[in-house]
PDB file of all heavy atoms in Angstrom:
ATOM      1  N   GLU A   1       6.346 -12.953  -0.254  1.00  0.00           N
ATOM      2  CA  GLU A   1       6.524 -12.321   1.107  1.00  0.00           C
ATOM      3  C   GLU A   1       7.316 -10.970   1.037  1.00  0.00           C
ATOM      4  O   GLU A   1       6.951 -10.052   1.652  1.00  0.00           O
ATOM      5  CB  GLU A   1       7.335 -13.289   2.005  1.00  0.00           C
ATOM      6  CG  GLU A   1       7.430 -12.848   3.430  1.00  0.00           C
ATOM      7  CD  GLU A   1       8.040 -13.793   4.351  1.00  0.00           C
ATOM      8  OE1 GLU A   1       7.968 -15.071   4.103  1.00  0.00           O
ATOM      9  OE2 GLU A   1       8.727 -13.407   5.280  1.00  0.00           O
ATOM     10  N   ASN A   2       8.413 -10.940   0.295  1.00  0.00           N
ATOM     11  CA  ASN A   2       9.220  -9.716   0.178  1.00  0.00           C
ATOM     12  C   ASN A   2       8.803  -8.742  -0.812  1.00  0.00           C
ATOM     13  O   ASN A   2       9.391  -7.634  -1.014  1.00  0.00           O
ATOM     14  CB  ASN A   2      10.647 -10.107   0.058  1.00  0.00           C
ATOM     15  CG  ASN A   2      11.152 -10.884   1.250  1.00  0.00           C
ATOM     16  OD1 ASN A   2      10.724 -10.713   2.336  1.00  0.00           O
ATOM     17  ND2 ASN A   2      12.079 -11.835   0.935  1.00  0.00           N
ATOM     18  N   ALA A   3       7.680  -9.010  -1.573  1.00  0.00           N
ATOM     19  CA  ALA A   3       7.264  -8.080  -2.593  1.00  0.00           C
ATOM     20  C   ALA A   3       6.719  -6.768  -1.997  1.00  0.00           C
ATOM     21  O   ALA A   3       6.068  -6.810  -0.977  1.00  0.00           O
ATOM     22  CB  ALA A   3       6.254  -8.725  -3.530  1.00  0.00           C
ATOM     23  N   ILE A   4       7.083  -5.668  -2.614  1.00  0.00           N
ATOM     24  CA  ILE A   4       6.608  -4.328  -2.059  1.00  0.00           C
ATOM     25  C   ILE A   4       5.544  -3.691  -3.022  1.00  0.00           C
ATOM     26  O   ILE A   4       4.893  -2.821  -2.736  1.00  0.00           O
ATOM     27  CB  ILE A   4       7.735  -3.315  -1.885  1.00  0.00           C
ATOM     28  CG1 ILE A   4       8.433  -2.991  -3.221  1.00  0.00           C
ATOM     29  CG2 ILE A   4       8.685  -3.791  -0.751  1.00  0.00           C
ATOM     30  CD1 ILE A   4       8.351  -1.522  -3.573  1.00  0.00           C
ATOM     31  N   GLY A   5       5.517  -4.335  -4.268  1.00  0.00           N
ATOM     32  CA  GLY A   5       4.507  -3.847  -5.254  1.00  0.00           C
ATOM     33  C   GLY A   5       4.500  -4.692  -6.489  1.00  0.00           C
ATOM     34  O   GLY A   5       5.222  -5.693  -6.551  1.00  0.00           O
ATOM     35  N   PHE A   6       3.772  -4.251  -7.488  1.00  0.00           N
ATOM     36  CA  PHE A   6       3.671  -5.027  -8.667  1.00  0.00           C
ATOM     37  C   PHE A   6       3.382  -4.060  -9.889  1.00  0.00           C
ATOM     38  O   PHE A   6       2.865  -2.986  -9.720  1.00  0.00           O
ATOM     39  CB  PHE A   6       2.656  -6.135  -8.622  1.00  0.00           C
ATOM     40  CG  PHE A   6       1.159  -5.689  -8.329  1.00  0.00           C
ATOM     41  CD1 PHE A   6       0.372  -5.201  -9.268  1.00  0.00           C
ATOM     42  CD2 PHE A   6       0.790  -5.762  -6.967  1.00  0.00           C
ATOM     43  CE1 PHE A   6      -0.875  -4.759  -8.911  1.00  0.00           C
ATOM     44  CE2 PHE A   6      -0.520  -5.326  -6.580  1.00  0.00           C
ATOM     45  CZ  PHE A   6      -1.327  -4.897  -7.609  1.00  0.00           C
ATOM     46  N   ILE A   7       3.702  -4.578 -11.048  1.00  0.00           N
ATOM     47  CA  ILE A   7       3.358  -3.926 -12.353  1.00  0.00           C
ATOM     48  C   ILE A   7       2.043  -4.537 -12.843  1.00  0.00           C
ATOM     49  O   ILE A   7       1.901  -5.784 -12.757  1.00  0.00           O
ATOM     50  CB  ILE A   7       4.498  -4.124 -13.415  1.00  0.00           C
ATOM     51  CG1 ILE A   7       5.810  -3.742 -12.845  1.00  0.00           C
ATOM     52  CG2 ILE A   7       4.175  -3.349 -14.722  1.00  0.00           C
ATOM     53  CD1 ILE A   7       5.844  -2.325 -12.275  1.00  0.00           C
ATOM     54  N   TYR A   8       1.121  -3.791 -13.262  1.00  0.00           N
ATOM     55  CA  TYR A   8      -0.210  -4.326 -13.683  1.00  0.00           C
ATOM     56  C   TYR A   8      -0.637  -3.808 -14.981  1.00  0.00           C
ATOM     57  O   TYR A   8      -0.191  -2.802 -15.595  1.00  0.00           O
ATOM     58  CB  TYR A   8      -1.260  -3.931 -12.621  1.00  0.00           C
ATOM     59  CG  TYR A   8      -1.452  -2.452 -12.462  1.00  0.00           C
ATOM     60  CD1 TYR A   8      -2.403  -1.691 -13.364  1.00  0.00           C
ATOM     61  CD2 TYR A   8      -0.794  -1.605 -11.524  1.00  0.00           C
ATOM     62  CE1 TYR A   8      -2.616  -0.364 -13.333  1.00  0.00           C
ATOM     63  CE2 TYR A   8      -1.071  -0.339 -11.464  1.00  0.00           C
ATOM     64  CZ  TYR A   8      -1.925   0.266 -12.363  1.00  0.00           C
ATOM     65  OH  TYR A   8      -2.136   1.715 -12.247  1.00  0.00           O
ATOM     66  N   LEU A   9      -1.530  -4.614 -15.589  1.00  0.00           N
ATOM     67  CA  LEU A   9      -2.283  -4.248 -16.837  1.00  0.00           C
ATOM     68  C   LEU A   9      -3.724  -4.357 -16.535  1.00  0.00           C
ATOM     69  O   LEU A   9      -4.270  -5.445 -16.021  1.00  0.00           O
ATOM     70  CB  LEU A   9      -1.882  -5.256 -17.981  1.00  0.00           C
ATOM     71  CG  LEU A   9      -2.769  -5.194 -19.215  1.00  0.00           C
ATOM     72  CD1 LEU A   9      -2.600  -3.902 -19.959  1.00  0.00           C
ATOM     73  CD2 LEU A   9      -2.484  -6.286 -20.058  1.00  0.00           C
ATOM     74  N   ILE A  10      -4.411  -3.395 -16.805  1.00  0.00           N
ATOM     75  CA  ILE A  10      -5.953  -3.326 -16.649  1.00  0.00           C
ATOM     76  C   ILE A  10      -6.629  -3.232 -18.024  1.00  0.00           C
ATOM     77  O   ILE A  10      -6.242  -2.338 -18.747  1.00  0.00           O
ATOM     78  CB  ILE A  10      -6.437  -2.202 -15.721  1.00  0.00           C
ATOM     79  CG1 ILE A  10      -5.825  -2.390 -14.306  1.00  0.00           C
ATOM     80  CG2 ILE A  10      -7.949  -2.179 -15.640  1.00  0.00           C
ATOM     81  CD1 ILE A  10      -6.256  -1.363 -13.311  1.00  0.00           C
ATOM     82  N   GLU A  11      -7.471  -4.121 -18.287  1.00  0.00           N
ATOM     83  CA  GLU A  11      -8.278  -4.051 -19.513  1.00  0.00           C
ATOM     84  C   GLU A  11      -9.692  -3.610 -19.235  1.00  0.00           C
ATOM     85  O   GLU A  11     -10.273  -4.111 -18.270  1.00  0.00           O
ATOM     86  CB  GLU A  11      -8.256  -5.448 -20.214  1.00  0.00           C
ATOM     87  CG  GLU A  11      -6.962  -5.937 -20.707  1.00  0.00           C
ATOM     88  CD  GLU A  11      -7.007  -7.318 -21.185  1.00  0.00           C
ATOM     89  OE1 GLU A  11      -7.968  -8.108 -20.970  1.00  0.00           O
ATOM     90  OE2 GLU A  11      -6.134  -7.698 -22.046  1.00  0.00           O
ATOM     91  N   PHE A  12     -10.171  -2.693 -19.997  1.00  0.00           N
ATOM     92  CA  PHE A  12     -11.476  -2.169 -19.735  1.00  0.00           C
ATOM     93  C   PHE A  12     -12.471  -2.744 -20.831  1.00  0.00           C
ATOM     94  O   PHE A  12     -12.102  -3.238 -21.886  1.00  0.00           O
ATOM     95  CB  PHE A  12     -11.555  -0.654 -19.803  1.00  0.00           C
ATOM     96  CG  PHE A  12     -10.741  -0.063 -18.744  1.00  0.00           C
ATOM     97  CD1 PHE A  12      -9.410   0.360 -19.101  1.00  0.00           C
ATOM     98  CD2 PHE A  12     -11.138   0.147 -17.492  1.00  0.00           C
ATOM     99  CE1 PHE A  12      -8.561   0.881 -18.053  1.00  0.00           C
ATOM    100  CE2 PHE A  12     -10.306   0.620 -16.501  1.00  0.00           C
ATOM    101  CZ  PHE A  12      -9.064   1.027 -16.794  1.00  0.00           C
ATOM    102  N   VAL A  13     -13.805  -2.799 -20.524  1.00  0.00           N
ATOM    103  CA  VAL A  13     -14.839  -3.342 -21.421  1.00  0.00           C
ATOM    104  C   VAL A  13     -14.752  -2.629 -22.741  1.00  0.00           C
ATOM    105  O   VAL A  13     -15.079  -3.356 -23.784  1.00  0.00           O
ATOM    106  CB  VAL A  13     -16.195  -3.229 -20.789  1.00  0.00           C
ATOM    107  CG1 VAL A  13     -17.177  -4.187 -21.463  1.00  0.00           C
ATOM    108  CG2 VAL A  13     -16.225  -3.488 -19.258  1.00  0.00           C
ATOM    109  N   ASP A  14     -14.442  -1.417 -22.837  1.00  0.00           N
ATOM    110  CA  ASP A  14     -14.432  -0.680 -24.072  1.00  0.00           C
ATOM    111  C   ASP A  14     -13.261  -0.937 -24.954  1.00  0.00           C
ATOM    112  O   ASP A  14     -13.005  -0.308 -26.054  1.00  0.00           O
ATOM    113  CB  ASP A  14     -14.655   0.876 -23.918  1.00  0.00           C
ATOM    114  CG  ASP A  14     -13.539   1.447 -23.078  1.00  0.00           C
ATOM    115  OD1 ASP A  14     -12.531   0.743 -22.753  1.00  0.00           O
ATOM    116  OD2 ASP A  14     -13.633   2.685 -22.826  1.00  0.00           O
ATOM    117  N   GLY A  15     -12.356  -1.883 -24.468  1.00  0.00           N
ATOM    118  CA  GLY A  15     -11.123  -2.168 -25.274  1.00  0.00           C
ATOM    119  C   GLY A  15      -9.898  -1.389 -24.876  1.00  0.00           C
ATOM    120  O   GLY A  15      -8.777  -1.733 -25.420  1.00  0.00           O
ATOM    121  N   MET A  16     -10.060  -0.413 -24.077  1.00  0.00           N
ATOM    122  CA  MET A  16      -8.808   0.336 -23.632  1.00  0.00           C
ATOM    123  C   MET A  16      -8.099  -0.385 -22.584  1.00  0.00           C
ATOM    124  O   MET A  16      -8.581  -1.233 -21.943  1.00  0.00           O
ATOM    125  CB  MET A  16      -9.295   1.774 -23.128  1.00  0.00           C
ATOM    126  CG  MET A  16     -10.031   2.653 -24.126  1.00  0.00           C
ATOM    127  SD  MET A  16      -8.997   3.022 -25.590  1.00  0.00           S
ATOM    128  CE  MET A  16      -7.863   4.172 -24.873  1.00  0.00           C
ATOM    129  N   LYS A  17      -6.804  -0.032 -22.447  1.00  0.00           N
ATOM    130  CA  LYS A  17      -5.854  -0.674 -21.496  1.00  0.00           C
ATOM    131  C   LYS A  17      -5.078   0.393 -20.797  1.00  0.00           C
ATOM    132  O   LYS A  17      -4.931   1.440 -21.220  1.00  0.00           O
ATOM    133  CB  LYS A  17      -4.895  -1.556 -22.335  1.00  0.00           C
ATOM    134  CG  LYS A  17      -5.585  -2.740 -23.089  1.00  0.00           C
ATOM    135  CD  LYS A  17      -4.468  -3.526 -23.762  1.00  0.00           C
ATOM    136  CE  LYS A  17      -5.141  -4.558 -24.676  1.00  0.00           C
ATOM    137  NZ  LYS A  17      -4.129  -5.237 -25.468  1.00  0.00           N
ATOM    138  N   TYR A  18      -4.563  -0.072 -19.633  1.00  0.00           N
ATOM    139  CA  TYR A  18      -3.684   0.808 -18.765  1.00  0.00           C
ATOM    140  C   TYR A  18      -2.633   0.027 -18.128  1.00  0.00           C
ATOM    141  O   TYR A  18      -2.969  -1.036 -17.542  1.00  0.00           O
ATOM    142  CB  TYR A  18      -4.551   1.659 -17.790  1.00  0.00           C
ATOM    143  CG  TYR A  18      -3.797   2.675 -17.047  1.00  0.00           C
ATOM    144  CD1 TYR A  18      -3.374   3.849 -17.641  1.00  0.00           C
ATOM    145  CD2 TYR A  18      -3.278   2.370 -15.776  1.00  0.00           C
ATOM    146  CE1 TYR A  18      -2.641   4.756 -16.979  1.00  0.00           C
ATOM    147  CE2 TYR A  18      -2.579   3.401 -15.060  1.00  0.00           C
ATOM    148  CZ  TYR A  18      -2.190   4.533 -15.697  1.00  0.00           C
ATOM    149  OH  TYR A  18      -1.490   5.535 -15.050  1.00  0.00           O
ATOM    150  N   ILE A  19      -1.445   0.493 -18.170  1.00  0.00           N
ATOM    151  CA  ILE A  19      -0.371  -0.309 -17.516  1.00  0.00           C
ATOM    152  C   ILE A  19       0.267   0.749 -16.481  1.00  0.00           C
ATOM    153  O   ILE A  19       0.357   1.852 -16.674  1.00  0.00           O
ATOM    154  CB  ILE A  19       0.796  -0.604 -18.504  1.00  0.00           C
ATOM    155  CG1 ILE A  19       0.364  -1.680 -19.471  1.00  0.00           C
ATOM    156  CG2 ILE A  19       2.111  -1.123 -17.746  1.00  0.00           C
ATOM    157  CD1 ILE A  19       1.349  -2.089 -20.527  1.00  0.00           C
ATOM    158  N   GLY A  20       0.535   0.189 -15.288  1.00  0.00           N
ATOM    159  CA  GLY A  20       1.052   1.008 -14.149  1.00  0.00           C
ATOM    160  C   GLY A  20       1.722   0.176 -13.096  1.00  0.00           C
ATOM    161  O   GLY A  20       1.905  -1.041 -13.247  1.00  0.00           O
ATOM    162  N   LYS A  21       2.063   0.826 -12.006  1.00  0.00           N
ATOM    163  CA  LYS A  21       2.617   0.200 -10.863  1.00  0.00           C
ATOM    164  C   LYS A  21       1.851   0.431  -9.544  1.00  0.00           C
ATOM    165  O   LYS A  21       1.092   1.428  -9.509  1.00  0.00           O
ATOM    166  CB  LYS A  21       4.083   0.657 -10.650  1.00  0.00           C
ATOM    167  CG  LYS A  21       4.192   2.124 -10.202  1.00  0.00           C
ATOM    168  CD  LYS A  21       5.663   2.501  -9.894  1.00  0.00           C
ATOM    169  CE  LYS A  21       5.649   4.010  -9.558  1.00  0.00           C
ATOM    170  NZ  LYS A  21       7.051   4.394  -9.351  1.00  0.00           N
ATOM    171  N   LYS A  22       1.826  -0.492  -8.651  1.00  0.00           N
ATOM    172  CA  LYS A  22       1.039  -0.271  -7.431  1.00  0.00           C
ATOM    173  C   LYS A  22       1.919  -0.788  -6.208  1.00  0.00           C
ATOM    174  O   LYS A  22       2.363  -1.894  -6.241  1.00  0.00           O
ATOM    175  CB  LYS A  22      -0.231  -1.095  -7.484  1.00  0.00           C
ATOM    176  CG  LYS A  22      -1.195  -0.876  -6.311  1.00  0.00           C
ATOM    177  CD  LYS A  22      -1.571   0.572  -6.202  1.00  0.00           C
ATOM    178  CE  LYS A  22      -2.447   0.764  -4.918  1.00  0.00           C
ATOM    179  NZ  LYS A  22      -2.479   2.202  -4.488  1.00  0.00           N
ATOM    180  N   ASN A  23       1.968   0.057  -5.251  1.00  0.00           N
ATOM    181  CA  ASN A  23       2.603  -0.361  -4.013  1.00  0.00           C
ATOM    182  C   ASN A  23       1.609  -1.193  -3.147  1.00  0.00           C
ATOM    183  O   ASN A  23       0.435  -0.847  -3.109  1.00  0.00           O
ATOM    184  CB  ASN A  23       3.036   0.844  -3.147  1.00  0.00           C
ATOM    185  CG  ASN A  23       4.258   1.535  -3.727  1.00  0.00           C
ATOM    186  OD1 ASN A  23       5.249   0.936  -3.947  1.00  0.00           O
ATOM    187  ND2 ASN A  23       4.090   2.839  -3.951  1.00  0.00           N
ATOM    188  N   LEU A  24       2.121  -2.189  -2.515  1.00  0.00           N
ATOM    189  CA  LEU A  24       1.259  -3.091  -1.670  1.00  0.00           C
ATOM    190  C   LEU A  24       1.027  -2.463  -0.315  1.00  0.00           C
ATOM    191  O   LEU A  24       0.063  -2.761   0.350  1.00  0.00           O
ATOM    192  CB  LEU A  24       1.914  -4.399  -1.567  1.00  0.00           C
ATOM    193  CG  LEU A  24       1.895  -5.228  -2.826  1.00  0.00           C
ATOM    194  CD1 LEU A  24       2.789  -6.528  -2.616  1.00  0.00           C
ATOM    195  CD2 LEU A  24       0.540  -5.637  -3.132  1.00  0.00           C
ATOM    196  N   TYR A  25       1.999  -1.558   0.142  1.00  0.00           N
ATOM    197  CA  TYR A  25       1.892  -0.991   1.450  1.00  0.00           C
ATOM    198  C   TYR A  25       2.127   0.451   1.428  1.00  0.00           C
ATOM    199  O   TYR A  25       2.778   0.979   0.526  1.00  0.00           O
ATOM    200  CB  TYR A  25       2.972  -1.653   2.410  1.00  0.00           C
ATOM    201  CG  TYR A  25       2.796  -3.118   2.575  1.00  0.00           C
ATOM    202  CD1 TYR A  25       3.592  -4.059   1.771  1.00  0.00           C
ATOM    203  CD2 TYR A  25       1.886  -3.659   3.378  1.00  0.00           C
ATOM    204  CE1 TYR A  25       3.488  -5.368   1.877  1.00  0.00           C
ATOM    205  CE2 TYR A  25       1.825  -5.062   3.524  1.00  0.00           C
ATOM    206  CZ  TYR A  25       2.572  -5.879   2.664  1.00  0.00           C
ATOM    207  OH  TYR A  25       2.421  -7.207   2.844  1.00  0.00           O
ATOM    208  N   SER A  26       1.611   1.190   2.467  1.00  0.00           N
ATOM    209  CA  SER A  26       1.915   2.580   2.545  1.00  0.00           C
ATOM    210  C   SER A  26       2.306   2.805   4.012  1.00  0.00           C
ATOM    211  O   SER A  26       1.926   2.093   4.936  1.00  0.00           O
ATOM    212  CB  SER A  26       0.636   3.455   2.238  1.00  0.00           C
ATOM    213  OG  SER A  26      -0.423   3.122   3.129  1.00  0.00           O
ATOM    214  N   THR A  27       3.094   3.815   4.255  1.00  0.00           N
ATOM    215  CA  THR A  27       3.466   4.194   5.618  1.00  0.00           C
ATOM    216  C   THR A  27       2.798   5.523   5.996  1.00  0.00           C
ATOM    217  O   THR A  27       2.736   6.464   5.196  1.00  0.00           O
ATOM    218  CB  THR A  27       5.028   4.276   5.835  1.00  0.00           C
ATOM    219  OG1 THR A  27       5.465   5.250   4.873  1.00  0.00           O
ATOM    220  CG2 THR A  27       5.619   2.875   5.657  1.00  0.00           C
ATOM    221  N   ARG A  28       2.362   5.574   7.278  1.00  0.00           N
ATOM    222  CA  ARG A  28       1.780   6.788   7.788  1.00  0.00           C
ATOM    223  C   ARG A  28       2.337   7.184   9.107  1.00  0.00           C
ATOM    224  O   ARG A  28       2.712   6.215   9.895  1.00  0.00           O
ATOM    225  CB  ARG A  28       0.258   6.535   7.923  1.00  0.00           C
ATOM    226  CG  ARG A  28      -0.536   6.385   6.627  1.00  0.00           C
ATOM    227  CD  ARG A  28      -2.001   6.139   6.864  1.00  0.00           C
ATOM    228  NE  ARG A  28      -2.608   7.108   7.834  1.00  0.00           N
ATOM    229  CZ  ARG A  28      -3.790   6.944   8.402  1.00  0.00           C
ATOM    230  NH1 ARG A  28      -4.459   5.930   8.085  1.00  0.00           N
ATOM    231  NH2 ARG A  28      -4.250   7.805   9.237  1.00  0.00           N
ATOM    232  N   ILE A  29       2.492   8.411   9.370  1.00  0.00           N
ATOM    233  CA  ILE A  29       2.952   8.904  10.679  1.00  0.00           C
ATOM    234  C   ILE A  29       1.768   9.365  11.498  1.00  0.00           C
ATOM    235  O   ILE A  29       1.001  10.134  11.086  1.00  0.00           O
ATOM    236  CB  ILE A  29       3.905  10.119  10.484  1.00  0.00           C
ATOM    237  CG1 ILE A  29       5.121   9.596   9.724  1.00  0.00           C
ATOM    238  CG2 ILE A  29       4.323  10.689  11.831  1.00  0.00           C
ATOM    239  CD1 ILE A  29       6.064  10.683   9.327  1.00  0.00           C
ATOM    240  N   MET A  30       1.553   8.573  12.596  1.00  0.00           N
ATOM    241  CA  MET A  30       0.373   8.830  13.442  1.00  0.00           C
ATOM    242  C   MET A  30       0.801   9.168  14.882  1.00  0.00           C
ATOM    243  O   MET A  30       1.728   8.615  15.324  1.00  0.00           O
ATOM    244  CB  MET A  30      -0.533   7.716  13.430  1.00  0.00           C
ATOM    245  CG  MET A  30      -0.997   7.250  12.060  1.00  0.00           C
ATOM    246  SD  MET A  30      -1.926   5.708  12.068  1.00  0.00           S
ATOM    247  CE  MET A  30      -3.450   6.322  12.637  1.00  0.00           C
ATOM    248  N   LYS A  31       0.087  10.109  15.514  1.00  0.00           N
ATOM    249  CA  LYS A  31       0.316  10.388  16.938  1.00  0.00           C
ATOM    250  C   LYS A  31       0.246   9.062  17.796  1.00  0.00           C
ATOM    251  O   LYS A  31      -0.688   8.306  17.573  1.00  0.00           O
ATOM    252  CB  LYS A  31      -0.694  11.352  17.473  1.00  0.00           C
ATOM    253  CG  LYS A  31      -0.114  12.594  18.056  1.00  0.00           C
ATOM    254  CD  LYS A  31      -1.167  13.494  18.574  1.00  0.00           C
ATOM    255  CE  LYS A  31      -0.492  14.844  18.871  1.00  0.00           C
ATOM    256  NZ  LYS A  31      -1.530  15.845  19.315  1.00  0.00           N
ATOM    257  N   SER A  32       1.182   8.948  18.694  1.00  0.00           N
ATOM    258  CA  SER A  32       1.183   7.769  19.472  1.00  0.00           C
ATOM    259  C   SER A  32      -0.038   7.710  20.390  1.00  0.00           C
ATOM    260  O   SER A  32      -0.600   8.771  20.742  1.00  0.00           O
ATOM    261  CB  SER A  32       2.453   7.719  20.407  1.00  0.00           C
ATOM    262  OG  SER A  32       3.579   7.496  19.526  1.00  0.00           O
ATOM    263  N   LEU A  33      -0.463   6.506  20.818  1.00  0.00           N
ATOM    264  CA  LEU A  33      -1.569   6.402  21.720  1.00  0.00           C
ATOM    265  C   LEU A  33      -1.320   6.957  23.096  1.00  0.00           C
ATOM    266  O   LEU A  33      -0.052   6.968  23.508  1.00  0.00           O
ATOM    267  CB  LEU A  33      -1.885   4.934  21.866  1.00  0.00           C
ATOM    268  CG  LEU A  33      -2.347   4.178  20.598  1.00  0.00           C
ATOM    269  CD1 LEU A  33      -2.470   2.698  20.787  1.00  0.00           C
ATOM    270  CD2 LEU A  33      -3.607   4.745  19.984  1.00  0.00           C
ATOM    271  N   LYS A  34      -2.226   7.464  23.789  1.00  0.00           N
ATOM    272  CA  LYS A  34      -1.991   8.027  25.106  1.00  0.00           C
ATOM    273  C   LYS A  34      -1.616   7.025  26.092  1.00  0.00           C
ATOM    274  O   LYS A  34      -0.844   7.348  27.022  1.00  0.00           O
ATOM    275  CB  LYS A  34      -3.310   8.701  25.632  1.00  0.00           C
ATOM    276  CG  LYS A  34      -3.697   9.951  24.879  1.00  0.00           C
ATOM    277  CD  LYS A  34      -4.943  10.650  25.425  1.00  0.00           C
ATOM    278  CE  LYS A  34      -5.228  11.861  24.720  1.00  0.00           C
ATOM    279  NZ  LYS A  34      -6.363  12.629  25.199  1.00  0.00           N
ATOM    280  N   SER A  35      -1.944   5.713  25.862  1.00  0.00           N
ATOM    281  CA  SER A  35      -1.477   4.659  26.799  1.00  0.00           C
ATOM    282  C   SER A  35       0.030   4.390  26.734  1.00  0.00           C
ATOM    283  O   SER A  35       0.581   3.804  27.576  1.00  0.00           O
ATOM    284  CB  SER A  35      -2.234   3.349  26.465  1.00  0.00           C
ATOM    285  OG  SER A  35      -1.858   2.930  25.145  1.00  0.00           O
ATOM    286  N   GLY A  36       0.679   4.910  25.680  1.00  0.00           N
ATOM    287  CA  GLY A  36       2.092   4.728  25.516  1.00  0.00           C
ATOM    288  C   GLY A  36       2.454   3.418  24.703  1.00  0.00           C
ATOM    289  O   GLY A  36       3.611   3.200  24.345  1.00  0.00           O
ATOM    290  N   LYS A  37       1.402   2.640  24.412  1.00  0.00           N
ATOM    291  CA  LYS A  37       1.661   1.426  23.657  1.00  0.00           C
ATOM    292  C   LYS A  37       1.714   1.761  22.178  1.00  0.00           C
ATOM    293  O   LYS A  37       1.172   2.738  21.676  1.00  0.00           O
ATOM    294  CB  LYS A  37       0.478   0.479  23.866  1.00  0.00           C
ATOM    295  CG  LYS A  37       0.463  -0.150  25.322  1.00  0.00           C
ATOM    296  CD  LYS A  37      -0.747  -1.123  25.450  1.00  0.00           C
ATOM    297  CE  LYS A  37      -0.813  -1.612  26.919  1.00  0.00           C
ATOM    298  NZ  LYS A  37      -1.900  -2.552  26.924  1.00  0.00           N
ATOM    299  N   ALA A  38       2.440   1.001  21.520  1.00  0.00           N
ATOM    300  CA  ALA A  38       2.634   1.199  20.002  1.00  0.00           C
ATOM    301  C   ALA A  38       1.358   0.729  19.307  1.00  0.00           C
ATOM    302  O   ALA A  38       0.735  -0.229  19.775  1.00  0.00           O
ATOM    303  CB  ALA A  38       3.780   0.345  19.521  1.00  0.00           C
ATOM    304  N   ARG A  39       0.992   1.454  18.255  1.00  0.00           N
ATOM    305  CA  ARG A  39      -0.097   1.084  17.418  1.00  0.00           C
ATOM    306  C   ARG A  39       0.228  -0.309  16.736  1.00  0.00           C
ATOM    307  O   ARG A  39       1.350  -0.656  16.522  1.00  0.00           O
ATOM    308  CB  ARG A  39      -0.430   2.126  16.374  1.00  0.00           C
ATOM    309  CG  ARG A  39      -0.862   3.436  16.933  1.00  0.00           C
ATOM    310  CD  ARG A  39      -1.090   4.349  15.763  1.00  0.00           C
ATOM    311  NE  ARG A  39      -1.505   5.669  16.266  1.00  0.00           N
ATOM    312  CZ  ARG A  39      -2.866   5.998  16.542  1.00  0.00           C
ATOM    313  NH1 ARG A  39      -3.740   5.142  16.285  1.00  0.00           N
ATOM    314  NH2 ARG A  39      -3.105   7.184  16.986  1.00  0.00           N
ATOM    315  N   PRO A  40      -0.860  -1.032  16.348  1.00  0.00           N
ATOM    316  CA  PRO A  40      -0.569  -2.202  15.504  1.00  0.00           C
ATOM    317  C   PRO A  40       0.185  -1.834  14.258  1.00  0.00           C
ATOM    318  O   PRO A  40      -0.102  -0.813  13.685  1.00  0.00           O
ATOM    319  CB  PRO A  40      -1.976  -2.739  15.235  1.00  0.00           C
ATOM    320  CG  PRO A  40      -2.854  -2.118  16.284  1.00  0.00           C
ATOM    321  CD  PRO A  40      -2.232  -0.854  16.642  1.00  0.00           C
ATOM    322  N   ASN A  41       1.012  -2.688  13.796  1.00  0.00           N
ATOM    323  CA  ASN A  41       1.872  -2.508  12.541  1.00  0.00           C
ATOM    324  C   ASN A  41       2.849  -1.385  12.640  1.00  0.00           C
ATOM    325  O   ASN A  41       3.300  -0.889  11.609  1.00  0.00           O
ATOM    326  CB  ASN A  41       0.902  -2.360  11.320  1.00  0.00           C
ATOM    327  CG  ASN A  41      -0.013  -3.516  11.175  1.00  0.00           C
ATOM    328  OD1 ASN A  41       0.335  -4.711  11.399  1.00  0.00           O
ATOM    329  ND2 ASN A  41      -1.255  -3.275  10.709  1.00  0.00           N
ATOM    330  N   THR A  42       3.194  -0.913  13.843  1.00  0.00           N
ATOM    331  CA  THR A  42       4.184   0.096  13.951  1.00  0.00           C
ATOM    332  C   THR A  42       5.578  -0.440  13.639  1.00  0.00           C
ATOM    333  O   THR A  42       5.922  -1.547  14.114  1.00  0.00           O
ATOM    334  CB  THR A  42       4.267   0.695  15.442  1.00  0.00           C
ATOM    335  OG1 THR A  42       3.016   1.239  15.645  1.00  0.00           O
ATOM    336  CG2 THR A  42       5.279   1.743  15.535  1.00  0.00           C
ATOM    337  N   ILE A  43       6.241   0.232  12.713  1.00  0.00           N
ATOM    338  CA  ILE A  43       7.564  -0.183  12.337  1.00  0.00           C
ATOM    339  C   ILE A  43       8.697   0.661  12.835  1.00  0.00           C
ATOM    340  O   ILE A  43       9.835   0.234  12.713  1.00  0.00           O
ATOM    341  CB  ILE A  43       7.699  -0.390  10.733  1.00  0.00           C
ATOM    342  CG1 ILE A  43       7.341   0.942  10.094  1.00  0.00           C
ATOM    343  CG2 ILE A  43       6.775  -1.447  10.216  1.00  0.00           C
ATOM    344  CD1 ILE A  43       7.676   0.999   8.598  1.00  0.00           C
ATOM    345  N   ASN A  44       8.343   1.865  13.346  1.00  0.00           N
ATOM    346  CA  ASN A  44       9.411   2.719  13.876  1.00  0.00           C
ATOM    347  C   ASN A  44       8.689   3.783  14.694  1.00  0.00           C
ATOM    348  O   ASN A  44       7.464   3.899  14.718  1.00  0.00           O
ATOM    349  CB  ASN A  44      10.191   3.339  12.692  1.00  0.00           C
ATOM    350  CG  ASN A  44      11.569   3.801  13.080  1.00  0.00           C
ATOM    351  OD1 ASN A  44      11.875   3.792  14.348  1.00  0.00           O
ATOM    352  ND2 ASN A  44      12.314   4.180  12.121  1.00  0.00           N
TER     353      ASN A  44
END
């Protein structure tokens, strides 16, 4: 529940590998709706 991301290993068919990190969520700033209601998933 409280995880914000993870460390991963990707293996490719040709035998190469890649290690990295990935965020599970992103935040975007969007213009508010004309109705004045908050968009779904608004945190601030």
